[in-house]
Amino acid sequence: MVWTVLKQIRKGQVRPYEDKKYHRTDIGYFQTKKLTISNPANAPLHIDGDPVETAALFEIEIIEKAFRLLMP
């Protein structure tokens, strides 16, 4: 999998998930406001490289306008 990710980054082969040429080893992307990830085997979880407690279900939601970015 690592080789596949490096190859895709180097060649720019990141495609939309809906693309007809999408393959399960490709890196796909999509946009959504909510996402639910099922983790029935309780696979280990790392956030920024640090191990944290895992869960069987993750519900992720984008909070629009949650912070303001100020630039000088």
PDB file of N, CA and C in Angstrom:
ATOM      1  N   MET A   1       0.822  -1.194   0.000  1.00  0.00           N
ATOM      2  CA  MET A   1       0.000   0.000   0.000  1.00  0.00           C
ATOM      3  C   MET A   1       0.868   1.261   0.000  1.00  0.00           C
ATOM      4  N   VAL A   2       1.967   1.238   0.756  1.00  0.00           N
ATOM      5  CA  VAL A   2       2.841   2.411   0.800  1.00  0.00           C
ATOM      6  C   VAL A   2       3.361   2.732  -0.595  1.00  0.00           C
ATOM      7  N   TRP A   3       3.789   1.711  -1.353  1.00  0.00           N
ATOM      8  CA  TRP A   3       4.281   1.916  -2.718  1.00  0.00           C
ATOM      9  C   TRP A   3       3.193   2.554  -3.585  1.00  0.00           C
ATOM     10  N   THR A   4       1.956   2.076  -3.439  1.00  0.00           N
ATOM     11  CA  THR A   4       0.849   2.608  -4.226  1.00  0.00           C
ATOM     12  C   THR A   4       0.629   4.081  -3.912  1.00  0.00           C
ATOM     13  N   VAL A   5       0.647   4.444  -2.635  1.00  0.00           N
ATOM     14  CA  VAL A   5       0.438   5.846  -2.235  1.00  0.00           C
ATOM     15  C   VAL A   5       1.551   6.726  -2.802  1.00  0.00           C
ATOM     16  N   LEU A   6       2.810   6.283  -2.665  1.00  0.00           N
ATOM     17  CA  LEU A   6       3.925   7.073  -3.193  1.00  0.00           C
ATOM     18  C   LEU A   6       3.826   7.246  -4.700  1.00  0.00           C
ATOM     19  N   LYS A   7       3.469   6.184  -5.410  1.00  0.00           N
ATOM     20  CA  LYS A   7       3.327   6.256  -6.862  1.00  0.00           C
ATOM     21  C   LYS A   7       2.224   7.248  -7.249  1.00  0.00           C
ATOM     22  N   GLN A   8       1.108   7.208  -6.519  1.00  0.00           N
ATOM     23  CA  GLN A   8      -0.004   8.092  -6.845  1.00  0.00           C
ATOM     24  C   GLN A   8       0.327   9.549  -6.556  1.00  0.00           C
ATOM     25  N   ILE A   9       1.053   9.786  -5.472  1.00  0.00           N
ATOM     26  CA  ILE A   9       1.452  11.158  -5.155  1.00  0.00           C
ATOM     27  C   ILE A   9       2.430  11.669  -6.211  1.00  0.00           C
ATOM     28  N   ARG A  10       3.398  10.827  -6.591  1.00  0.00           N
ATOM     29  CA  ARG A  10       4.401  11.229  -7.577  1.00  0.00           C
ATOM     30  C   ARG A  10       3.796  11.488  -8.949  1.00  0.00           C
ATOM     31  N   LYS A  11       2.857  10.651  -9.350  1.00  0.00           N
ATOM     32  CA  LYS A  11       2.269  10.781 -10.679  1.00  0.00           C
ATOM     33  C   LYS A  11       0.989  11.610 -10.684  1.00  0.00           C
ATOM     34  N   GLY A  12       0.532  12.037  -9.528  1.00  0.00           N
ATOM     35  CA  GLY A  12      -0.678  12.837  -9.455  1.00  0.00           C
ATOM     36  C   GLY A  12      -1.933  12.073  -9.810  1.00  0.00           C
ATOM     37  N   GLN A  13      -1.975  10.780  -9.462  1.00  0.00           N
ATOM     38  CA  GLN A  13      -3.118   9.949  -9.823  1.00  0.00           C
ATOM     39  C   GLN A  13      -4.165   9.905  -8.711  1.00  0.00           C
ATOM     40  N   VAL A  14      -4.577  11.040  -8.255  1.00  0.00           N
ATOM     41  CA  VAL A  14      -5.652  11.105  -7.270  1.00  0.00           C
ATOM     42  C   VAL A  14      -6.907  11.478  -8.030  1.00  0.00           C
ATOM     43  N   ARG A  15      -7.915  10.595  -7.974  1.00  0.00           N
ATOM     44  CA  ARG A  15      -9.121  10.791  -8.783  1.00  0.00           C
ATOM     45  C   ARG A  15     -10.355  10.913  -7.897  1.00  0.00           C
ATOM     46  N   PRO A  16     -11.386  11.578  -8.405  1.00  0.00           N
ATOM     47  CA  PRO A  16     -12.650  11.590  -7.668  1.00  0.00           C
ATOM     48  C   PRO A  16     -13.171  10.169  -7.489  1.00  0.00           C
ATOM     49  N   TYR A  17     -13.808   9.899  -6.376  1.00  0.00           N
ATOM     50  CA  TYR A  17     -14.316   8.568  -6.068  1.00  0.00           C
ATOM     51  C   TYR A  17     -15.302   8.087  -7.129  1.00  0.00           C
ATOM     52  N   GLU A  18     -16.043   9.003  -7.743  1.00  0.00           N
ATOM     53  CA  GLU A  18     -17.060   8.633  -8.738  1.00  0.00           C
ATOM     54  C   GLU A  18     -16.451   8.306 -10.092  1.00  0.00           C
ATOM     55  N   ASP A  19     -15.161   8.562 -10.280  1.00  0.00           N
ATOM     56  CA  ASP A  19     -14.498   8.309 -11.565  1.00  0.00           C
ATOM     57  C   ASP A  19     -14.648   6.837 -11.950  1.00  0.00           C
ATOM     58  N   LYS A  20     -15.028   6.581 -13.195  1.00  0.00           N
ATOM     59  CA  LYS A  20     -15.243   5.207 -13.674  1.00  0.00           C
ATOM     60  C   LYS A  20     -13.963   4.375 -13.636  1.00  0.00           C
ATOM     61  N   LYS A  21     -12.807   5.030 -13.695  1.00  0.00           N
ATOM     62  CA  LYS A  21     -11.528   4.318 -13.687  1.00  0.00           C
ATOM     63  C   LYS A  21     -11.019   4.062 -12.266  1.00  0.00           C
ATOM     64  N   TYR A  22     -11.792   4.439 -11.257  1.00  0.00           N
ATOM     65  CA  TYR A  22     -11.378   4.291  -9.865  1.00  0.00           C
ATOM     66  C   TYR A  22     -11.158   2.819  -9.527  1.00  0.00           C
ATOM     67  N   HIS A  23     -10.060   2.529  -8.866  1.00  0.00           N
ATOM     68  CA  HIS A  23      -9.717   1.175  -8.441  1.00  0.00           C
ATOM     69  C   HIS A  23      -9.540   1.198  -6.926  1.00  0.00           C
ATOM     70  N   ARG A  24      -9.766   0.085  -6.253  1.00  0.00           N
ATOM     71  CA  ARG A  24      -9.742   0.063  -4.789  1.00  0.00           C
ATOM     72  C   ARG A  24      -8.394   0.441  -4.198  1.00  0.00           C
ATOM     73  N   THR A  25      -7.308   0.359  -4.974  1.00  0.00           N
ATOM     74  CA  THR A  25      -5.998   0.765  -4.469  1.00  0.00           C
ATOM     75  C   THR A  25      -5.699   2.228  -4.751  1.00  0.00           C
ATOM     76  N   ASP A  26      -6.558   2.903  -5.499  1.00  0.00           N
ATOM     77  CA  ASP A  26      -6.354   4.324  -5.785  1.00  0.00           C
ATOM     78  C   ASP A  26      -6.692   5.162  -4.558  1.00  0.00           C
ATOM     79  N   ILE A  27      -6.140   6.359  -4.543  1.00  0.00           N
ATOM     80  CA  ILE A  27      -6.540   7.334  -3.527  1.00  0.00           C
ATOM     81  C   ILE A  27      -7.723   8.085  -4.115  1.00  0.00           C
ATOM     82  N   GLY A  28      -8.855   8.031  -3.459  1.00  0.00           N
ATOM     83  CA  GLY A  28     -10.041   8.722  -3.943  1.00  0.00           C
ATOM     84  C   GLY A  28     -10.372   9.891  -3.037  1.00  0.00           C
ATOM     85  N   TYR A  29     -11.081  10.857  -3.558  1.00  0.00           N
ATOM     86  CA  TYR A  29     -11.516  11.964  -2.718  1.00  0.00           C
ATOM     87  C   TYR A  29     -12.959  12.300  -3.039  1.00  0.00           C
ATOM     88  N   PHE A  30     -13.614  12.865  -2.088  1.00  0.00           N
ATOM     89  CA  PHE A  30     -14.980  13.334  -2.264  1.00  0.00           C
ATOM     90  C   PHE A  30     -15.225  14.416  -1.231  1.00  0.00           C
ATOM     91  N   GLN A  31     -16.257  15.200  -1.443  1.00  0.00           N
ATOM     92  CA  GLN A  31     -16.612  16.253  -0.496  1.00  0.00           C
ATOM     93  C   GLN A  31     -17.916  15.897   0.177  1.00  0.00           C
ATOM     94  N   THR A  32     -17.972  16.144   1.473  1.00  0.00           N
ATOM     95  CA  THR A  32     -19.187  15.890   2.237  1.00  0.00           C
ATOM     96  C   THR A  32     -19.172  16.739   3.498  1.00  0.00           C
ATOM     97  N   LYS A  33     -20.328  16.952   4.085  1.00  0.00           N
ATOM     98  CA  LYS A  33     -20.406  17.694   5.337  1.00  0.00           C
ATOM     99  C   LYS A  33     -20.408  16.763   6.540  1.00  0.00           C
ATOM    100  N   LYS A  34     -20.791  15.495   6.307  1.00  0.00           N
ATOM    101  CA  LYS A  34     -20.819  14.503   7.389  1.00  0.00           C
ATOM    102  C   LYS A  34     -20.220  13.202   6.876  1.00  0.00           C
ATOM    103  N   LEU A  35     -19.564  12.472   7.773  1.00  0.00           N
ATOM    104  CA  LEU A  35     -18.945  11.210   7.412  1.00  0.00           C
ATOM    105  C   LEU A  35     -19.019  10.268   8.604  1.00  0.00           C
ATOM    106  N   THR A  36     -19.428   9.030   8.359  1.00  0.00           N
ATOM    107  CA  THR A  36     -19.448   8.009   9.398  1.00  0.00           C
ATOM    108  C   THR A  36     -18.491   6.900   8.980  1.00  0.00           C
ATOM    109  N   ILE A  37     -17.559   6.558   9.876  1.00  0.00           N
ATOM    110  CA  ILE A  37     -16.589   5.503   9.617  1.00  0.00           C
ATOM    111  C   ILE A  37     -16.851   4.364  10.585  1.00  0.00           C
ATOM    112  N   SER A  38     -17.082   3.181  10.041  1.00  0.00           N
ATOM    113  CA  SER A  38     -17.320   1.993  10.847  1.00  0.00           C
ATOM    114  C   SER A  38     -15.994   1.267  11.073  1.00  0.00           C
ATOM    115  N   ASN A  39     -15.710   0.893  12.312  1.00  0.00           N
ATOM    116  CA  ASN A  39     -14.469   0.223  12.686  1.00  0.00           C
ATOM    117  C   ASN A  39     -14.820  -1.009  13.528  1.00  0.00           C
ATOM    118  N   PRO A  40     -15.492  -2.009  12.924  1.00  0.00           N
ATOM    119  CA  PRO A  40     -15.994  -3.147  13.707  1.00  0.00           C
ATOM    120  C   PRO A  40     -14.900  -3.983  14.363  1.00  0.00           C
ATOM    121  N   ALA A  41     -13.692  -3.985  13.821  1.00  0.00           N
ATOM    122  CA  ALA A  41     -12.600  -4.771  14.416  1.00  0.00           C
ATOM    123  C   ALA A  41     -11.801  -3.955  15.437  1.00  0.00           C
ATOM    124  N   ASN A  42     -12.240  -2.739  15.714  1.00  0.00           N
ATOM    125  CA  ASN A  42     -11.540  -1.837  16.640  1.00  0.00           C
ATOM    126  C   ASN A  42     -10.062  -1.700  16.292  1.00  0.00           C
ATOM    127  N   ALA A  43      -9.794  -1.395  15.022  1.00  0.00           N
ATOM    128  CA  ALA A  43      -8.415  -1.190  14.560  1.00  0.00           C
ATOM    129  C   ALA A  43      -7.799  -0.035  15.338  1.00  0.00           C
ATOM    130  N   PRO A  44      -6.478  -0.081  15.561  1.00  0.00           N
ATOM    131  CA  PRO A  44      -5.815   1.005  16.300  1.00  0.00           C
ATOM    132  C   PRO A  44      -6.000   2.342  15.597  1.00  0.00           C
ATOM    133  N   LEU A  45      -6.013   3.404  16.367  1.00  0.00           N
ATOM    134  CA  LEU A  45      -6.227   4.752  15.844  1.00  0.00           C
ATOM    135  C   LEU A  45      -5.050   5.632  16.234  1.00  0.00           C
ATOM    136  N   HIS A  46      -4.549   6.388  15.274  1.00  0.00           N
ATOM    137  CA  HIS A  46      -3.471   7.346  15.525  1.00  0.00           C
ATOM    138  C   HIS A  46      -3.923   8.703  15.012  1.00  0.00           C
ATOM    139  N   ILE A  47      -3.687   9.736  15.797  1.00  0.00           N
ATOM    140  CA  ILE A  47      -3.974  11.106  15.378  1.00  0.00           C
ATOM    141  C   ILE A  47      -2.657  11.862  15.425  1.00  0.00           C
ATOM    142  N   ASP A  48      -2.230  12.373  14.294  1.00  0.00           N
ATOM    143  CA  ASP A  48      -0.936  13.043  14.155  1.00  0.00           C
ATOM    144  C   ASP A  48       0.201  12.159  14.652  1.00  0.00           C
ATOM    145  N   GLY A  49       0.094  10.837  14.430  1.00  0.00           N
ATOM    146  CA  GLY A  49       1.150   9.911  14.803  1.00  0.00           C
ATOM    147  C   GLY A  49       1.104   9.442  16.237  1.00  0.00           C
ATOM    148  N   ASP A  50       0.178   9.972  17.026  1.00  0.00           N
ATOM    149  CA  ASP A  50       0.066   9.567  18.430  1.00  0.00           C
ATOM    150  C   ASP A  50      -1.086   8.585  18.598  1.00  0.00           C
ATOM    151  N   PRO A  51      -0.844   7.439  19.268  1.00  0.00           N
ATOM    152  CA  PRO A  51      -1.935   6.487  19.484  1.00  0.00           C
ATOM    153  C   PRO A  51      -2.975   7.064  20.436  1.00  0.00           C
ATOM    154  N   VAL A  52      -4.228   6.864  20.109  1.00  0.00           N
ATOM    155  CA  VAL A  52      -5.336   7.311  20.959  1.00  0.00           C
ATOM    156  C   VAL A  52      -6.341   6.173  21.070  1.00  0.00           C
ATOM    157  N   GLU A  53      -7.257   6.297  22.000  1.00  0.00           N
ATOM    158  CA  GLU A  53      -8.273   5.270  22.196  1.00  0.00           C
ATOM    159  C   GLU A  53      -9.137   5.146  20.935  1.00  0.00           C
ATOM    160  N   THR A  54      -9.391   3.916  20.536  1.00  0.00           N
ATOM    161  CA  THR A  54     -10.166   3.677  19.321  1.00  0.00           C
ATOM    162  C   THR A  54     -11.644   3.514  19.654  1.00  0.00           C
ATOM    163  N   ALA A  55     -12.454   3.403  18.632  1.00  0.00           N
ATOM    164  CA  ALA A  55     -13.896   3.219  18.813  1.00  0.00           C
ATOM    165  C   ALA A  55     -14.429   2.382  17.654  1.00  0.00           C
ATOM    166  N   ALA A  56     -15.608   1.828  17.822  1.00  0.00           N
ATOM    167  CA  ALA A  56     -16.231   1.016  16.779  1.00  0.00           C
ATOM    168  C   ALA A  56     -16.889   1.880  15.701  1.00  0.00           C
ATOM    169  N   LEU A  57     -17.174   3.144  16.035  1.00  0.00           N
ATOM    170  CA  LEU A  57     -17.853   4.034  15.102  1.00  0.00           C
ATOM    171  C   LEU A  57     -17.347   5.458  15.293  1.00  0.00           C
ATOM    172  N   PHE A  58     -17.054   6.118  14.192  1.00  0.00           N
ATOM    173  CA  PHE A  58     -16.624   7.510  14.226  1.00  0.00           C
ATOM    174  C   PHE A  58     -17.593   8.327  13.396  1.00  0.00           C
ATOM    175  N   GLU A  59     -18.125   9.378  13.976  1.00  0.00           N
ATOM    176  CA  GLU A  59     -19.000  10.288  13.249  1.00  0.00           C
ATOM    177  C   GLU A  59     -18.301  11.639  13.177  1.00  0.00           C
ATOM    178  N   ILE A  60     -18.057  12.079  11.970  1.00  0.00           N
ATOM    179  CA  ILE A  60     -17.304  13.311  11.736  1.00  0.00           C
ATOM    180  C   ILE A  60     -18.211  14.294  11.017  1.00  0.00           C
ATOM    181  N   GLU A  61     -18.216  15.531  11.500  1.00  0.00           N
ATOM    182  CA  GLU A  61     -19.065  16.553  10.886  1.00  0.00           C
ATOM    183  C   GLU A  61     -18.286  17.854  10.772  1.00  0.00           C
ATOM    184  N   ILE A  62     -18.416  18.522   9.647  1.00  0.00           N
ATOM    185  CA  ILE A  62     -17.769  19.812   9.424  1.00  0.00           C
ATOM    186  C   ILE A  62     -18.639  20.898  10.048  1.00  0.00           C
ATOM    187  N   ILE A  63     -18.021  21.729  10.851  1.00  0.00           N
ATOM    188  CA  ILE A  63     -18.728  22.858  11.450  1.00  0.00           C
ATOM    189  C   ILE A  63     -18.318  24.107  10.671  1.00  0.00           C
ATOM    190  N   GLU A  64     -19.220  24.567   9.837  1.00  0.00           N
ATOM    191  CA  GLU A  64     -18.910  25.730   9.010  1.00  0.00           C
ATOM    192  C   GLU A  64     -18.716  26.972   9.870  1.00  0.00           C
ATOM    193  N   LYS A  65     -17.752  27.775   9.449  1.00  0.00           N
ATOM    194  CA  LYS A  65     -17.433  29.045  10.109  1.00  0.00           C
ATOM    195  C   LYS A  65     -17.098  28.854  11.590  1.00  0.00           C
ATOM    196  N   ALA A  66     -16.472  27.734  11.919  1.00  0.00           N
ATOM    197  CA  ALA A  66     -16.129  27.427  13.310  1.00  0.00           C
ATOM    198  C   ALA A  66     -14.965  28.294  13.804  1.00  0.00           C
ATOM    199  N   PHE A  67     -14.119  28.742  12.903  1.00  0.00           N
ATOM    200  CA  PHE A  67     -13.041  29.641  13.299  1.00  0.00           C
ATOM    201  C   PHE A  67     -12.738  30.605  12.173  1.00  0.00           C
ATOM    202  N   ARG A  68     -12.118  31.700  12.525  1.00  0.00           N
ATOM    203  CA  ARG A  68     -11.763  32.717  11.561  1.00  0.00           C
ATOM    204  C   ARG A  68     -10.259  32.732  11.376  1.00  0.00           C
ATOM    205  N   LEU A  69      -9.832  32.733  10.156  1.00  0.00           N
ATOM    206  CA  LEU A  69      -8.413  32.805   9.836  1.00  0.00           C
ATOM    207  C   LEU A  69      -8.057  34.248   9.547  1.00  0.00           C
ATOM    208  N   LEU A  70      -7.157  34.796  10.364  1.00  0.00           N
ATOM    209  CA  LEU A  70      -6.747  36.183  10.173  1.00  0.00           C
ATOM    210  C   LEU A  70      -5.359  36.188   9.564  1.00  0.00           C
ATOM    211  N   MET A  71      -5.215  36.997   8.533  1.00  0.00           N
ATOM    212  CA  MET A  71      -3.898  37.126   7.885  1.00  0.00           C
ATOM    213  C   MET A  71      -3.450  38.570   7.977  1.00  0.00           C
ATOM    214  N   PRO A  72      -2.157  38.770   8.229  1.00  0.00           N
ATOM    215  CA  PRO A  72      -1.653  40.160   8.338  1.00  0.00           C
ATOM    216  C   PRO A  72      -1.661  40.871   7.005  1.00  0.00           C
TER     217      PRO A  72
END
